[in-house]
Amino acid sequence: MILKIPTLLLKAQAIQGRKTTKCSVKDKKMSVLVLQKVKSQFLNKRP
C-alpha cells in the first residue's frame, strides 16, 4: 500500500496540473477527492 500511495498522489497531481480539456473540471474534482482520501489514509497509518 505504501508503494501505491505516491503513484496515486502523482496521478492526482498530474490531473490537477493538466491544462483545461473537456474533462478537466471533472478530473480536478476527482483528483481533489483522491488526494484528500489518500492523505487521510496515509496520515492515519503512520505510527
N, C-alpha and C. Protein backbone atom coordinates (compact mmCIF):
# COMPACT_ATOMS: atom_id res chain seq x y z
N MET A 1 0.83 -1.20 0.00
CA MET A 1 0.00 0.00 0.00
C MET A 1 0.87 1.26 0.00
N ILE A 2 1.97 1.20 0.76
CA ILE A 2 2.86 2.37 0.84
C ILE A 2 3.42 2.71 -0.54
N LEU A 3 3.69 1.69 -1.35
CA LEU A 3 4.21 1.92 -2.69
C LEU A 3 3.17 2.54 -3.60
N LYS A 4 1.90 2.22 -3.36
CA LYS A 4 0.84 2.71 -4.24
C LYS A 4 0.47 4.16 -3.96
N ILE A 5 0.68 4.61 -2.73
CA ILE A 5 0.27 5.97 -2.35
C ILE A 5 0.95 7.05 -3.21
N PRO A 6 2.29 7.02 -3.36
CA PRO A 6 2.94 8.06 -4.16
C PRO A 6 2.44 8.09 -5.60
N THR A 7 2.19 6.92 -6.20
CA THR A 7 1.72 6.91 -7.58
C THR A 7 0.33 7.52 -7.68
N LEU A 8 -0.52 7.24 -6.70
CA LEU A 8 -1.86 7.85 -6.68
C LEU A 8 -1.74 9.36 -6.55
N LEU A 9 -0.86 9.81 -5.67
CA LEU A 9 -0.67 11.25 -5.49
C LEU A 9 -0.15 11.88 -6.77
N LEU A 10 0.81 11.23 -7.41
CA LEU A 10 1.37 11.77 -8.64
C LEU A 10 0.31 11.85 -9.73
N LYS A 11 -0.50 10.81 -9.84
CA LYS A 11 -1.57 10.81 -10.84
C LYS A 11 -2.55 11.94 -10.57
N ALA A 12 -2.94 12.08 -9.30
CA ALA A 12 -3.91 13.11 -8.95
C ALA A 12 -3.34 14.50 -9.21
N GLN A 13 -2.05 14.69 -8.87
CA GLN A 13 -1.43 15.99 -9.08
C GLN A 13 -1.26 16.27 -10.57
N ALA A 14 -0.97 15.23 -11.34
CA ALA A 14 -0.83 15.40 -12.79
C ALA A 14 -2.16 15.83 -13.40
N ILE A 15 -3.25 15.22 -12.90
CA ILE A 15 -4.58 15.59 -13.39
C ILE A 15 -4.89 17.04 -13.02
N GLN A 16 -4.53 17.43 -11.80
CA GLN A 16 -4.79 18.81 -11.35
C GLN A 16 -3.98 19.80 -12.18
N GLY A 17 -2.75 19.45 -12.51
CA GLY A 17 -1.86 20.37 -13.21
C GLY A 17 -2.12 20.44 -14.70
N ARG A 18 -2.93 19.53 -15.21
CA ARG A 18 -3.17 19.47 -16.64
C ARG A 18 -3.90 20.71 -17.14
N LYS A 19 -3.60 21.12 -18.36
CA LYS A 19 -4.29 22.26 -18.95
C LYS A 19 -5.74 21.90 -19.23
N THR A 20 -6.58 22.91 -19.35
CA THR A 20 -8.02 22.68 -19.47
C THR A 20 -8.35 21.85 -20.70
N THR A 21 -9.09 20.77 -20.44
CA THR A 21 -9.64 19.94 -21.52
C THR A 21 -11.13 19.78 -21.26
N LYS A 22 -11.78 18.98 -22.06
CA LYS A 22 -13.22 18.79 -21.89
C LYS A 22 -13.54 18.19 -20.52
N CYS A 23 -12.66 17.31 -20.05
CA CYS A 23 -12.93 16.59 -18.80
C CYS A 23 -12.17 17.19 -17.60
N SER A 24 -11.49 18.31 -17.80
CA SER A 24 -10.58 18.81 -16.77
C SER A 24 -11.30 19.12 -15.46
N VAL A 25 -12.48 19.72 -15.54
CA VAL A 25 -13.20 20.09 -14.32
C VAL A 25 -13.56 18.84 -13.52
N LYS A 26 -14.08 17.86 -14.23
CA LYS A 26 -14.46 16.60 -13.58
C LYS A 26 -13.21 15.93 -12.99
N ASP A 27 -12.14 15.89 -13.78
CA ASP A 27 -10.90 15.25 -13.32
C ASP A 27 -10.33 15.97 -12.12
N LYS A 28 -10.38 17.29 -12.13
CA LYS A 28 -9.85 18.05 -10.99
C LYS A 28 -10.63 17.75 -9.72
N LYS A 29 -11.95 17.70 -9.84
CA LYS A 29 -12.77 17.37 -8.67
C LYS A 29 -12.43 15.98 -8.16
N MET A 30 -12.29 15.03 -9.08
CA MET A 30 -11.95 13.66 -8.69
C MET A 30 -10.57 13.62 -8.04
N SER A 31 -9.61 14.32 -8.62
CA SER A 31 -8.25 14.28 -8.09
C SER A 31 -8.18 14.90 -6.71
N VAL A 32 -8.96 15.94 -6.47
CA VAL A 32 -9.01 16.55 -5.14
C VAL A 32 -9.54 15.54 -4.13
N LEU A 33 -10.61 14.83 -4.50
CA LEU A 33 -11.16 13.81 -3.61
C LEU A 33 -10.15 12.70 -3.36
N VAL A 34 -9.46 12.27 -4.41
CA VAL A 34 -8.45 11.22 -4.28
C VAL A 34 -7.33 11.68 -3.36
N LEU A 35 -6.87 12.91 -3.57
CA LEU A 35 -5.79 13.45 -2.72
C LEU A 35 -6.21 13.47 -1.26
N GLN A 36 -7.42 13.94 -0.99
CA GLN A 36 -7.89 14.01 0.40
C GLN A 36 -7.98 12.62 1.01
N LYS A 37 -8.51 11.65 0.26
CA LYS A 37 -8.64 10.29 0.77
C LYS A 37 -7.27 9.68 1.03
N VAL A 38 -6.37 9.83 0.06
CA VAL A 38 -5.04 9.24 0.18
C VAL A 38 -4.28 9.87 1.34
N LYS A 39 -4.34 11.18 1.45
CA LYS A 39 -3.65 11.87 2.54
C LYS A 39 -4.17 11.42 3.89
N SER A 40 -5.49 11.33 4.03
CA SER A 40 -6.07 10.93 5.31
C SER A 40 -5.68 9.49 5.65
N GLN A 41 -5.71 8.60 4.65
CA GLN A 41 -5.31 7.21 4.88
C GLN A 41 -3.85 7.14 5.28
N PHE A 42 -3.01 7.90 4.57
CA PHE A 42 -1.57 7.88 4.82
C PHE A 42 -1.27 8.38 6.23
N LEU A 43 -1.92 9.47 6.63
CA LEU A 43 -1.70 10.02 7.96
C LEU A 43 -2.20 9.08 9.05
N ASN A 44 -3.33 8.42 8.78
CA ASN A 44 -3.90 7.50 9.77
C ASN A 44 -3.02 6.28 9.98
N LYS A 45 -2.29 5.86 8.94
CA LYS A 45 -1.47 4.65 9.04
C LYS A 45 -0.13 4.91 9.72
N ARG A 46 0.26 6.15 9.81
CA ARG A 46 1.54 6.46 10.47
C ARG A 46 1.46 6.16 11.96
N PRO A 47 2.53 5.57 12.51
CA PRO A 47 2.53 5.25 13.94
C PRO A 47 2.58 6.48 14.83
